[in-house]
Amino acid sequence: MSQKEAELISQIDSAYQESVKNLESSRGKLETERTRIVESAKKQAENLKRQIVGSSRLAARNQELLLIENNVNEAFERAKAWLASSSKDEAYRSLLAKIIEESIPAVGSDEVTIECNKNDADAVKKVAADLSKKNPKYRIKVSDQPISAIGGVKVKSGDGTMSFDNTLDSRIERLKPLIRKNIARMLRGEGEE
């Protein structure tokens, strides 16, 4: 019995020692696995943080662009309203002459028809007559049909194949991207080009 008891104690001790070894071995593996899981969680947290920050920056930038766009459009609308209601003085007639002079070569014809709004008709007819006297090769006709524009002109070639919209409305629209870009730079504290 004593021999059996010693054998059993030896087996129990052996099993105990093996369990301790397995436990120590598992503890190392578990520590490695725990470290891997923690590192993975940190990486995921960092990625999530970057996504949230990036998304917030994008949303802020979109909001900034929307505000700029709204304010630029409002400024253009105010400028158009001011132009429409302002008196058509000598400076405007001079601008009108310059617009007409640059519009005729743009259509590639010396024979042109000029369209304008009803308020500018008399001034355009005078500028057209003066221009025809100054440059006899130009054959300029001023249309009786008024156009819907703040000011400026539309010029069509005599055969109607080419036209050039040089109204104040279209000039403002052509300048919008450049002005919008400059306003955005100013708002960001950057210098103009």
N, C-alpha and C. Protein backbone atom coordinates (compact mmCIF):
# COMPACT_ATOMS: atom_id res chain seq x y z
N MET A 1 0.80 -1.18 0.00
CA MET A 1 0.00 0.00 0.00
C MET A 1 0.86 1.26 0.00
N SER A 2 1.88 1.11 0.74
CA SER A 2 2.77 2.23 0.83
C SER A 2 3.43 2.46 -0.51
N GLN A 3 3.70 1.37 -1.18
CA GLN A 3 4.31 1.48 -2.50
C GLN A 3 3.30 2.12 -3.46
N LYS A 4 2.06 1.70 -3.38
CA LYS A 4 1.01 2.27 -4.23
C LYS A 4 0.84 3.75 -3.92
N GLU A 5 0.90 4.05 -2.64
CA GLU A 5 0.72 5.44 -2.21
C GLU A 5 1.88 6.27 -2.77
N ALA A 6 3.09 5.77 -2.71
CA ALA A 6 4.25 6.49 -3.21
C ALA A 6 4.13 6.67 -4.72
N GLU A 7 3.66 5.61 -5.40
CA GLU A 7 3.47 5.69 -6.84
C GLU A 7 2.44 6.76 -7.19
N LEU A 8 1.34 6.74 -6.44
CA LEU A 8 0.28 7.73 -6.69
C LEU A 8 0.80 9.14 -6.41
N ILE A 9 1.53 9.31 -5.34
CA ILE A 9 2.06 10.63 -4.99
C ILE A 9 3.03 11.07 -6.08
N SER A 10 3.85 10.11 -6.57
CA SER A 10 4.81 10.41 -7.63
C SER A 10 4.08 10.81 -8.91
N GLN A 11 2.99 10.09 -9.24
CA GLN A 11 2.21 10.43 -10.44
C GLN A 11 1.54 11.79 -10.28
N ILE A 12 1.02 12.02 -9.07
CA ILE A 12 0.36 13.31 -8.81
C ILE A 12 1.39 14.43 -8.90
N ASP A 13 2.57 14.18 -8.30
CA ASP A 13 3.62 15.19 -8.32
C ASP A 13 4.07 15.43 -9.77
N SER A 14 4.22 14.36 -10.53
CA SER A 14 4.63 14.45 -11.93
C SER A 14 3.58 15.22 -12.72
N ALA A 15 2.31 14.89 -12.49
CA ALA A 15 1.21 15.58 -13.18
C ALA A 15 1.18 17.05 -12.78
N TYR A 16 1.45 17.30 -11.49
CA TYR A 16 1.48 18.67 -10.98
C TYR A 16 2.61 19.44 -11.66
N GLN A 17 3.81 18.85 -11.72
CA GLN A 17 4.97 19.50 -12.33
C GLN A 17 4.69 19.77 -13.82
N GLU A 18 4.07 18.82 -14.52
CA GLU A 18 3.74 19.01 -15.93
C GLU A 18 2.69 20.11 -16.09
N SER A 19 1.74 20.14 -15.19
CA SER A 19 0.72 21.20 -15.25
C SER A 19 1.35 22.56 -15.04
N VAL A 20 2.32 22.65 -14.10
CA VAL A 20 3.01 23.91 -13.86
C VAL A 20 3.78 24.33 -15.12
N LYS A 21 4.47 23.36 -15.76
CA LYS A 21 5.21 23.65 -16.99
C LYS A 21 4.26 24.14 -18.09
N ASN A 22 3.13 23.42 -18.25
CA ASN A 22 2.13 23.82 -19.26
C ASN A 22 1.59 25.21 -18.96
N LEU A 23 1.37 25.46 -17.70
CA LEU A 23 0.85 26.77 -17.29
C LEU A 23 1.87 27.86 -17.60
N GLU A 24 3.15 27.62 -17.28
CA GLU A 24 4.21 28.59 -17.56
C GLU A 24 4.32 28.81 -19.08
N SER A 25 4.28 27.70 -19.83
CA SER A 25 4.36 27.78 -21.28
C SER A 25 3.17 28.56 -21.84
N SER A 26 1.98 28.27 -21.35
CA SER A 26 0.76 28.95 -21.79
C SER A 26 0.80 30.41 -21.41
N ARG A 27 1.37 30.72 -20.24
CA ARG A 27 1.44 32.09 -19.77
C ARG A 27 2.25 32.93 -20.78
N GLY A 28 3.35 32.43 -21.26
CA GLY A 28 4.18 33.12 -22.25
C GLY A 28 3.41 33.33 -23.56
N LYS A 29 2.73 32.25 -23.99
CA LYS A 29 1.94 32.35 -25.23
C LYS A 29 0.80 33.36 -25.04
N LEU A 30 0.16 33.31 -23.89
CA LEU A 30 -0.94 34.23 -23.61
C LEU A 30 -0.44 35.68 -23.55
N GLU A 31 0.73 35.88 -22.95
CA GLU A 31 1.31 37.23 -22.88
C GLU A 31 1.61 37.74 -24.29
N THR A 32 2.17 36.88 -25.14
CA THR A 32 2.46 37.25 -26.53
C THR A 32 1.16 37.58 -27.25
N GLU A 33 0.14 36.75 -27.07
CA GLU A 33 -1.16 36.97 -27.72
C GLU A 33 -1.81 38.26 -27.20
N ARG A 34 -1.70 38.49 -25.88
CA ARG A 34 -2.26 39.72 -25.29
C ARG A 34 -1.56 40.94 -25.89
N THR A 35 -0.24 40.91 -26.02
CA THR A 35 0.54 42.01 -26.59
C THR A 35 0.14 42.25 -28.04
N ARG A 36 -0.03 41.18 -28.80
CA ARG A 36 -0.44 41.30 -30.20
C ARG A 36 -1.83 41.94 -30.29
N ILE A 37 -2.75 41.50 -29.44
CA ILE A 37 -4.11 42.04 -29.45
C ILE A 37 -4.09 43.53 -29.08
N VAL A 38 -3.30 43.90 -28.06
CA VAL A 38 -3.22 45.30 -27.63
C VAL A 38 -2.63 46.17 -28.76
N GLU A 39 -1.56 45.68 -29.41
CA GLU A 39 -0.95 46.43 -30.52
C GLU A 39 -1.94 46.58 -31.68
N SER A 40 -2.65 45.52 -31.98
CA SER A 40 -3.65 45.56 -33.05
C SER A 40 -4.75 46.58 -32.71
N ALA A 41 -5.18 46.58 -31.45
CA ALA A 41 -6.22 47.53 -31.02
C ALA A 41 -5.70 48.96 -31.11
N LYS A 42 -4.42 49.18 -30.76
CA LYS A 42 -3.84 50.52 -30.84
C LYS A 42 -3.80 50.99 -32.29
N LYS A 43 -3.40 50.08 -33.21
CA LYS A 43 -3.36 50.44 -34.62
C LYS A 43 -4.75 50.77 -35.14
N GLN A 44 -5.74 49.96 -34.76
CA GLN A 44 -7.11 50.22 -35.19
C GLN A 44 -7.60 51.55 -34.64
N ALA A 45 -7.26 51.83 -33.38
CA ALA A 45 -7.67 53.10 -32.77
C ALA A 45 -7.02 54.28 -33.50
N GLU A 46 -5.74 54.14 -33.85
CA GLU A 46 -5.03 55.20 -34.57
C GLU A 46 -5.65 55.41 -35.96
N ASN A 47 -5.95 54.31 -36.65
CA ASN A 47 -6.60 54.43 -37.96
C ASN A 47 -7.96 55.10 -37.85
N LEU A 48 -8.73 54.71 -36.85
CA LEU A 48 -10.04 55.31 -36.63
C LEU A 48 -9.90 56.79 -36.32
N LYS A 49 -8.91 57.12 -35.49
CA LYS A 49 -8.66 58.52 -35.15
C LYS A 49 -8.33 59.32 -36.42
N ARG A 50 -7.45 58.77 -37.29
CA ARG A 50 -7.11 59.44 -38.54
C ARG A 50 -8.33 59.63 -39.42
N GLN A 51 -9.17 58.60 -39.48
CA GLN A 51 -10.39 58.70 -40.30
C GLN A 51 -11.31 59.79 -39.78
N ILE A 52 -11.47 59.83 -38.47
CA ILE A 52 -12.36 60.84 -37.87
C ILE A 52 -11.81 62.24 -38.10
N VAL A 53 -10.50 62.41 -37.88
CA VAL A 53 -9.87 63.72 -38.09
C VAL A 53 -9.97 64.12 -39.57
N GLY A 54 -9.66 63.16 -40.46
CA GLY A 54 -9.75 63.44 -41.90
C GLY A 54 -11.16 63.81 -42.32
N SER A 55 -12.12 63.08 -41.81
CA SER A 55 -13.52 63.35 -42.14
C SER A 55 -13.94 64.73 -41.61
N SER A 56 -13.48 65.06 -40.42
CA SER A 56 -13.82 66.37 -39.84
C SER A 56 -13.17 67.49 -40.65
N ARG A 57 -11.92 67.28 -41.06
CA ARG A 57 -11.24 68.30 -41.87
C ARG A 57 -11.95 68.49 -43.21
N LEU A 58 -12.35 67.38 -43.82
CA LEU A 58 -13.06 67.45 -45.08
C LEU A 58 -14.40 68.18 -44.93
N ALA A 59 -15.10 67.86 -43.86
CA ALA A 59 -16.39 68.53 -43.61
C ALA A 59 -16.18 70.02 -43.38
N ALA A 60 -15.13 70.37 -42.62
CA ALA A 60 -14.84 71.79 -42.37
C ALA A 60 -14.46 72.50 -43.67
N ARG A 61 -13.67 71.84 -44.50
CA ARG A 61 -13.27 72.42 -45.79
C ARG A 61 -14.48 72.60 -46.69
N ASN A 62 -15.36 71.61 -46.73
CA ASN A 62 -16.58 71.73 -47.54
C ASN A 62 -17.44 72.88 -47.04
N GLN A 63 -17.54 73.02 -45.73
CA GLN A 63 -18.32 74.12 -45.16
C GLN A 63 -17.69 75.46 -45.52
N GLU A 64 -16.36 75.53 -45.46
CA GLU A 64 -15.64 76.75 -45.82
C GLU A 64 -15.91 77.10 -47.29
N LEU A 65 -15.80 76.10 -48.16
CA LEU A 65 -16.03 76.34 -49.59
C LEU A 65 -17.47 76.78 -49.85
N LEU A 66 -18.41 76.19 -49.14
CA LEU A 66 -19.82 76.57 -49.29
C LEU A 66 -20.03 78.02 -48.86
N LEU A 67 -19.42 78.41 -47.74
CA LEU A 67 -19.54 79.80 -47.27
C LEU A 67 -18.91 80.76 -48.27
N ILE A 68 -17.73 80.39 -48.78
CA ILE A 68 -17.08 81.25 -49.77
C ILE A 68 -17.97 81.39 -51.00
N GLU A 69 -18.48 80.26 -51.48
CA GLU A 69 -19.34 80.26 -52.68
C GLU A 69 -20.57 81.14 -52.46
N ASN A 70 -21.22 80.98 -51.32
CA ASN A 70 -22.43 81.78 -51.04
C ASN A 70 -22.10 83.27 -50.97
N ASN A 71 -20.99 83.62 -50.31
CA ASN A 71 -20.62 85.02 -50.19
C ASN A 71 -20.16 85.61 -51.52
N VAL A 72 -19.44 84.84 -52.30
CA VAL A 72 -19.03 85.32 -53.62
C VAL A 72 -20.26 85.55 -54.50
N ASN A 73 -21.19 84.60 -54.50
CA ASN A 73 -22.42 84.76 -55.29
C ASN A 73 -23.21 85.98 -54.83
N GLU A 74 -23.27 86.17 -53.52
CA GLU A 74 -23.99 87.34 -53.00
C GLU A 74 -23.30 88.64 -53.44
N ALA A 75 -21.98 88.64 -53.41
CA ALA A 75 -21.23 89.84 -53.84
C ALA A 75 -21.47 90.10 -55.32
N PHE A 76 -21.48 89.03 -56.13
CA PHE A 76 -21.75 89.21 -57.57
C PHE A 76 -23.16 89.72 -57.80
N GLU A 77 -24.11 89.22 -57.08
CA GLU A 77 -25.49 89.68 -57.24
C GLU A 77 -25.62 91.15 -56.85
N ARG A 78 -24.94 91.54 -55.77
CA ARG A 78 -24.97 92.95 -55.37
C ARG A 78 -24.30 93.83 -56.43
N ALA A 79 -23.18 93.33 -56.97
CA ALA A 79 -22.48 94.09 -58.01
C ALA A 79 -23.37 94.24 -59.25
N LYS A 80 -24.06 93.16 -59.63
CA LYS A 80 -24.96 93.23 -60.78
C LYS A 80 -26.10 94.22 -60.52
N ALA A 81 -26.66 94.18 -59.31
CA ALA A 81 -27.75 95.11 -58.97
C ALA A 81 -27.24 96.55 -59.01
N TRP A 82 -26.03 96.77 -58.51
CA TRP A 82 -25.46 98.11 -58.53
C TRP A 82 -25.23 98.56 -59.96
N LEU A 83 -24.69 97.67 -60.79
CA LEU A 83 -24.45 98.02 -62.19
C LEU A 83 -25.76 98.34 -62.91
N ALA A 84 -26.79 97.56 -62.63
CA ALA A 84 -28.07 97.77 -63.30
C ALA A 84 -28.71 99.09 -62.89
N SER A 85 -28.50 99.49 -61.63
CA SER A 85 -29.16 100.70 -61.15
C SER A 85 -28.28 101.94 -61.26
N SER A 86 -26.99 101.77 -61.53
CA SER A 86 -26.10 102.93 -61.58
C SER A 86 -26.35 103.74 -62.83
N SER A 87 -25.99 105.00 -62.74
CA SER A 87 -26.18 105.86 -63.91
C SER A 87 -25.14 105.49 -64.96
N LYS A 88 -25.54 105.57 -66.20
CA LYS A 88 -24.65 105.24 -67.31
C LYS A 88 -23.91 106.51 -67.71
N ASP A 89 -22.84 106.81 -67.00
CA ASP A 89 -22.08 108.04 -67.22
C ASP A 89 -21.06 107.89 -68.35
N GLU A 90 -20.19 108.88 -68.48
CA GLU A 90 -19.20 108.89 -69.54
C GLU A 90 -18.22 107.71 -69.41
N ALA A 91 -17.88 107.32 -68.18
CA ALA A 91 -16.97 106.20 -67.97
C ALA A 91 -17.60 104.91 -68.51
N TYR A 92 -18.92 104.77 -68.34
CA TYR A 92 -19.59 103.59 -68.86
C TYR A 92 -19.60 103.60 -70.39
N ARG A 93 -19.85 104.78 -70.98
CA ARG A 93 -19.84 104.87 -72.45
C ARG A 93 -18.43 104.53 -72.99
N SER A 94 -17.42 104.94 -72.27
CA SER A 94 -16.05 104.62 -72.66
C SER A 94 -15.82 103.10 -72.58
N LEU A 95 -16.33 102.48 -71.51
CA LEU A 95 -16.22 101.02 -71.37
C LEU A 95 -16.99 100.32 -72.49
N LEU A 96 -18.15 100.84 -72.82
CA LEU A 96 -18.97 100.28 -73.90
C LEU A 96 -18.22 100.33 -75.23
N ALA A 97 -17.54 101.44 -75.49
CA ALA A 97 -16.76 101.57 -76.73
C ALA A 97 -15.64 100.53 -76.75
N LYS A 98 -14.98 100.36 -75.62
CA LYS A 98 -13.89 99.38 -75.52
C LYS A 98 -14.42 97.96 -75.74
N ILE A 99 -15.58 97.67 -75.15
CA ILE A 99 -16.20 96.34 -75.29
C ILE A 99 -16.53 96.07 -76.76
N ILE A 100 -17.09 97.06 -77.43
CA ILE A 100 -17.46 96.89 -78.84
C ILE A 100 -16.21 96.71 -79.69
N GLU A 101 -15.19 97.53 -79.43
CA GLU A 101 -13.94 97.44 -80.20
C GLU A 101 -13.26 96.08 -80.05
N GLU A 102 -13.34 95.47 -78.89
CA GLU A 102 -12.71 94.16 -78.72
C GLU A 102 -13.61 93.03 -79.19
N SER A 103 -14.90 93.29 -79.30
CA SER A 103 -15.85 92.24 -79.71
C SER A 103 -15.85 92.00 -81.21
N ILE A 104 -15.68 93.04 -82.00
CA ILE A 104 -15.74 92.89 -83.46
C ILE A 104 -14.66 91.94 -83.97
N PRO A 105 -13.38 92.11 -83.60
CA PRO A 105 -12.37 91.15 -84.06
C PRO A 105 -12.61 89.73 -83.54
N ALA A 106 -13.28 89.62 -82.42
CA ALA A 106 -13.52 88.29 -81.83
C ALA A 106 -14.42 87.42 -82.70
N VAL A 107 -15.30 88.03 -83.49
CA VAL A 107 -16.18 87.24 -84.37
C VAL A 107 -15.55 87.03 -85.74
N GLY A 108 -14.44 87.68 -86.01
CA GLY A 108 -13.71 87.44 -87.26
C GLY A 108 -14.40 87.98 -88.50
N SER A 109 -15.13 89.05 -88.35
CA SER A 109 -15.83 89.62 -89.51
C SER A 109 -15.88 91.14 -89.35
N ASP A 110 -15.79 91.83 -90.48
CA ASP A 110 -15.91 93.29 -90.45
C ASP A 110 -17.36 93.73 -90.54
N GLU A 111 -18.23 92.81 -90.97
CA GLU A 111 -19.65 93.09 -91.04
C GLU A 111 -20.32 92.41 -89.84
N VAL A 112 -20.87 93.22 -88.92
CA VAL A 112 -21.41 92.68 -87.68
C VAL A 112 -22.76 93.30 -87.33
N THR A 113 -23.48 92.55 -86.49
CA THR A 113 -24.71 93.06 -85.90
C THR A 113 -24.48 93.10 -84.39
N ILE A 114 -24.80 94.23 -83.79
CA ILE A 114 -24.60 94.39 -82.35
C ILE A 114 -25.96 94.39 -81.68
N GLU A 115 -26.06 93.59 -80.62
CA GLU A 115 -27.28 93.56 -79.80
C GLU A 115 -26.94 94.12 -78.43
N CYS A 116 -27.88 94.87 -77.85
CA CYS A 116 -27.66 95.44 -76.51
C CYS A 116 -29.01 95.58 -75.81
N ASN A 117 -28.96 95.98 -74.53
CA ASN A 117 -30.22 96.20 -73.83
C ASN A 117 -30.82 97.54 -74.27
N LYS A 118 -32.07 97.77 -73.95
CA LYS A 118 -32.74 98.98 -74.45
C LYS A 118 -32.15 100.26 -73.87
N ASN A 119 -31.59 100.18 -72.65
CA ASN A 119 -31.02 101.39 -72.04
C ASN A 119 -29.72 101.82 -72.71
N ASP A 120 -29.02 100.88 -73.31
CA ASP A 120 -27.73 101.19 -73.94
C ASP A 120 -27.84 101.46 -75.44
N ALA A 121 -29.02 101.32 -76.01
CA ALA A 121 -29.18 101.40 -77.46
C ALA A 121 -28.62 102.69 -78.05
N ASP A 122 -28.97 103.84 -77.46
CA ASP A 122 -28.50 105.12 -78.01
C ASP A 122 -26.98 105.22 -77.93
N ALA A 123 -26.41 104.83 -76.80
CA ALA A 123 -24.95 104.90 -76.62
C ALA A 123 -24.26 103.95 -77.59
N VAL A 124 -24.81 102.75 -77.79
CA VAL A 124 -24.21 101.76 -78.70
C VAL A 124 -24.27 102.28 -80.13
N LYS A 125 -25.40 102.90 -80.52
CA LYS A 125 -25.52 103.44 -81.88
C LYS A 125 -24.48 104.53 -82.10
N LYS A 126 -24.24 105.38 -81.09
CA LYS A 126 -23.25 106.44 -81.22
C LYS A 126 -21.85 105.85 -81.33
N VAL A 127 -21.54 104.88 -80.46
CA VAL A 127 -20.21 104.24 -80.50
C VAL A 127 -20.01 103.54 -81.85
N ALA A 128 -21.06 102.86 -82.34
CA ALA A 128 -20.97 102.15 -83.62
C ALA A 128 -20.72 103.13 -84.77
N ALA A 129 -21.41 104.27 -84.74
CA ALA A 129 -21.22 105.28 -85.79
C ALA A 129 -19.80 105.85 -85.73
N ASP A 130 -19.33 106.15 -84.52
CA ASP A 130 -17.97 106.68 -84.36
C ASP A 130 -16.93 105.66 -84.83
N LEU A 131 -17.15 104.41 -84.50
CA LEU A 131 -16.22 103.36 -84.87
C LEU A 131 -16.21 103.14 -86.38
N SER A 132 -17.38 103.22 -87.01
CA SER A 132 -17.46 103.08 -88.47
C SER A 132 -16.72 104.22 -89.17
N LYS A 133 -16.81 105.43 -88.60
CA LYS A 133 -16.09 106.58 -89.18
C LYS A 133 -14.59 106.40 -89.01
N LYS A 134 -14.19 105.91 -87.84
CA LYS A 134 -12.77 105.74 -87.55
C LYS A 134 -12.17 104.59 -88.36
N ASN A 135 -12.96 103.55 -88.60
CA ASN A 135 -12.48 102.40 -89.35
C ASN A 135 -13.52 102.06 -90.42
N PRO A 136 -13.39 102.63 -91.62
CA PRO A 136 -14.41 102.49 -92.67
C PRO A 136 -14.66 101.05 -93.13
N LYS A 137 -13.73 100.13 -92.88
CA LYS A 137 -13.97 98.74 -93.32
C LYS A 137 -15.05 98.07 -92.47
N TYR A 138 -15.33 98.60 -91.27
CA TYR A 138 -16.38 98.02 -90.42
C TYR A 138 -17.76 98.41 -90.93
N ARG A 139 -18.61 97.43 -91.10
CA ARG A 139 -20.02 97.66 -91.43
C ARG A 139 -20.81 97.16 -90.22
N ILE A 140 -21.26 98.10 -89.41
CA ILE A 140 -21.90 97.77 -88.13
C ILE A 140 -23.38 98.11 -88.17
N LYS A 141 -24.18 97.12 -87.79
CA LYS A 141 -25.62 97.32 -87.68
C LYS A 141 -25.98 97.10 -86.21
N VAL A 142 -26.82 97.95 -85.67
CA VAL A 142 -27.28 97.78 -84.28
C VAL A 142 -28.70 97.23 -84.35
N SER A 143 -28.91 96.09 -83.72
CA SER A 143 -30.21 95.42 -83.74
C SER A 143 -31.25 96.24 -82.99
N ASP A 144 -32.50 96.16 -83.49
CA ASP A 144 -33.61 96.83 -82.82
C ASP A 144 -34.19 95.98 -81.69
N GLN A 145 -33.81 94.70 -81.66
CA GLN A 145 -34.32 93.79 -80.62
C GLN A 145 -33.42 93.86 -79.39
N PRO A 146 -33.95 94.35 -78.25
CA PRO A 146 -33.12 94.45 -77.05
C PRO A 146 -32.86 93.05 -76.44
N ILE A 147 -31.71 92.95 -75.80
CA ILE A 147 -31.39 91.70 -75.11
C ILE A 147 -31.54 91.91 -73.60
N SER A 148 -31.64 90.83 -72.89
CA SER A 148 -31.76 90.90 -71.44
C SER A 148 -30.36 90.81 -70.85
N ALA A 149 -29.81 91.96 -70.48
CA ALA A 149 -28.47 92.03 -69.90
C ALA A 149 -28.35 93.32 -69.11
N ILE A 150 -27.43 93.32 -68.16
CA ILE A 150 -27.18 94.52 -67.37
C ILE A 150 -26.61 95.62 -68.27
N GLY A 151 -25.72 95.22 -69.14
CA GLY A 151 -25.06 96.15 -70.04
C GLY A 151 -24.13 95.37 -70.94
N GLY A 152 -23.37 96.10 -71.74
CA GLY A 152 -22.48 95.43 -72.67
C GLY A 152 -23.22 95.04 -73.93
N VAL A 153 -22.56 94.20 -74.77
CA VAL A 153 -23.14 93.86 -76.06
C VAL A 153 -22.92 92.40 -76.41
N LYS A 154 -23.72 91.94 -77.36
CA LYS A 154 -23.49 90.68 -78.05
C LYS A 154 -23.24 91.06 -79.50
N VAL A 155 -22.19 90.50 -80.07
CA VAL A 155 -21.84 90.84 -81.46
C VAL A 155 -21.93 89.56 -82.28
N LYS A 156 -22.59 89.66 -83.45
CA LYS A 156 -22.71 88.53 -84.37
C LYS A 156 -22.10 88.91 -85.71
N SER A 157 -21.46 87.93 -86.33
CA SER A 157 -20.91 88.18 -87.66
C SER A 157 -22.08 88.41 -88.62
N GLY A 158 -21.79 89.06 -89.75
CA GLY A 158 -22.83 89.40 -90.72
C GLY A 158 -23.59 88.17 -91.20
N ASP A 159 -22.89 87.04 -91.36
CA ASP A 159 -23.58 85.83 -91.82
C ASP A 159 -24.20 85.03 -90.67
N GLY A 160 -24.00 85.49 -89.43
CA GLY A 160 -24.63 84.85 -88.27
C GLY A 160 -23.94 83.58 -87.79
N THR A 161 -22.80 83.23 -88.38
CA THR A 161 -22.14 81.98 -87.97
C THR A 161 -21.34 82.13 -86.68
N MET A 162 -20.87 83.31 -86.38
CA MET A 162 -20.07 83.54 -85.18
C MET A 162 -20.75 84.58 -84.31
N SER A 163 -20.65 84.38 -83.01
CA SER A 163 -21.17 85.40 -82.10
C SER A 163 -20.26 85.46 -80.88
N PHE A 164 -20.26 86.61 -80.24
CA PHE A 164 -19.44 86.82 -79.06
C PHE A 164 -20.28 87.56 -78.03
N ASP A 165 -20.48 86.92 -76.89
CA ASP A 165 -21.25 87.52 -75.79
C ASP A 165 -20.28 88.30 -74.92
N ASN A 166 -20.34 89.60 -75.01
CA ASN A 166 -19.47 90.45 -74.22
C ASN A 166 -20.32 91.39 -73.36
N THR A 167 -21.41 90.82 -72.85
CA THR A 167 -22.26 91.59 -71.94
C THR A 167 -21.57 91.65 -70.58
N LEU A 168 -21.97 92.59 -69.77
CA LEU A 168 -21.40 92.67 -68.42
C LEU A 168 -21.70 91.39 -67.65
N ASP A 169 -22.87 90.82 -67.88
CA ASP A 169 -23.24 89.56 -67.22
C ASP A 169 -22.23 88.46 -67.53
N SER A 170 -21.92 88.30 -68.82
CA SER A 170 -21.00 87.23 -69.21
C SER A 170 -19.57 87.55 -68.78
N ARG A 171 -19.19 88.81 -68.79
CA ARG A 171 -17.85 89.18 -68.32
C ARG A 171 -17.71 88.86 -66.84
N ILE A 172 -18.74 89.13 -66.08
CA ILE A 172 -18.72 88.79 -64.64
C ILE A 172 -18.60 87.28 -64.47
N GLU A 173 -19.37 86.53 -65.25
CA GLU A 173 -19.32 85.06 -65.15
C GLU A 173 -17.93 84.53 -65.51
N ARG A 174 -17.29 85.15 -66.49
CA ARG A 174 -15.94 84.70 -66.87
C ARG A 174 -14.92 85.01 -65.78
N LEU A 175 -15.16 86.06 -65.03
CA LEU A 175 -14.23 86.45 -63.97
C LEU A 175 -14.47 85.72 -62.66
N LYS A 176 -15.64 85.14 -62.50
CA LYS A 176 -15.99 84.49 -61.23
C LYS A 176 -14.94 83.51 -60.72
N PRO A 177 -14.46 82.57 -61.55
CA PRO A 177 -13.48 81.61 -61.01
C PRO A 177 -12.21 82.28 -60.46
N LEU A 178 -11.71 83.29 -61.17
CA LEU A 178 -10.52 83.98 -60.72
C LEU A 178 -10.79 84.75 -59.43
N ILE A 179 -11.90 85.45 -59.39
CA ILE A 179 -12.25 86.22 -58.19
C ILE A 179 -12.49 85.27 -57.02
N ARG A 180 -13.20 84.17 -57.27
CA ARG A 180 -13.47 83.18 -56.23
C ARG A 180 -12.16 82.63 -55.65
N LYS A 181 -11.21 82.34 -56.54
CA LYS A 181 -9.90 81.82 -56.12
C LYS A 181 -9.17 82.84 -55.26
N ASN A 182 -9.18 84.10 -55.69
CA ASN A 182 -8.51 85.15 -54.93
C ASN A 182 -9.16 85.38 -53.57
N ILE A 183 -10.48 85.32 -53.51
CA ILE A 183 -11.18 85.49 -52.24
C ILE A 183 -10.83 84.34 -51.30
N ALA A 184 -10.82 83.12 -51.82
CA ALA A 184 -10.47 81.95 -50.99
C ALA A 184 -9.05 82.10 -50.45
N ARG A 185 -8.13 82.56 -51.28
CA ARG A 185 -6.75 82.76 -50.81
C ARG A 185 -6.68 83.83 -49.72
N MET A 186 -7.42 84.91 -49.93
CA MET A 186 -7.41 85.97 -48.93
C MET A 186 -7.98 85.47 -47.61
N LEU A 187 -9.05 84.70 -47.68
CA LEU A 187 -9.66 84.17 -46.46
C LEU A 187 -8.74 83.20 -45.74
N ARG A 188 -7.88 82.51 -46.48
CA ARG A 188 -6.95 81.57 -45.87
C ARG A 188 -5.65 82.26 -45.45
N GLY A 189 -5.53 83.57 -45.75
CA GLY A 189 -4.33 84.30 -45.36
C GLY A 189 -3.18 84.14 -46.33
N GLU A 190 -3.47 83.63 -47.52
CA GLU A 190 -2.43 83.48 -48.54
C GLU A 190 -2.41 84.73 -49.40
N GLY A 191 -1.28 85.02 -50.00
CA GLY A 191 -1.17 86.19 -50.89
C GLY A 191 -1.78 85.91 -52.23
N GLU A 192 -2.09 86.97 -52.97
CA GLU A 192 -2.60 86.83 -54.33
C GLU A 192 -1.46 86.54 -55.27
N GLU A 193 -1.78 85.90 -56.40
CA GLU A 193 -0.76 85.64 -57.43
C GLU A 193 -0.45 86.88 -58.19
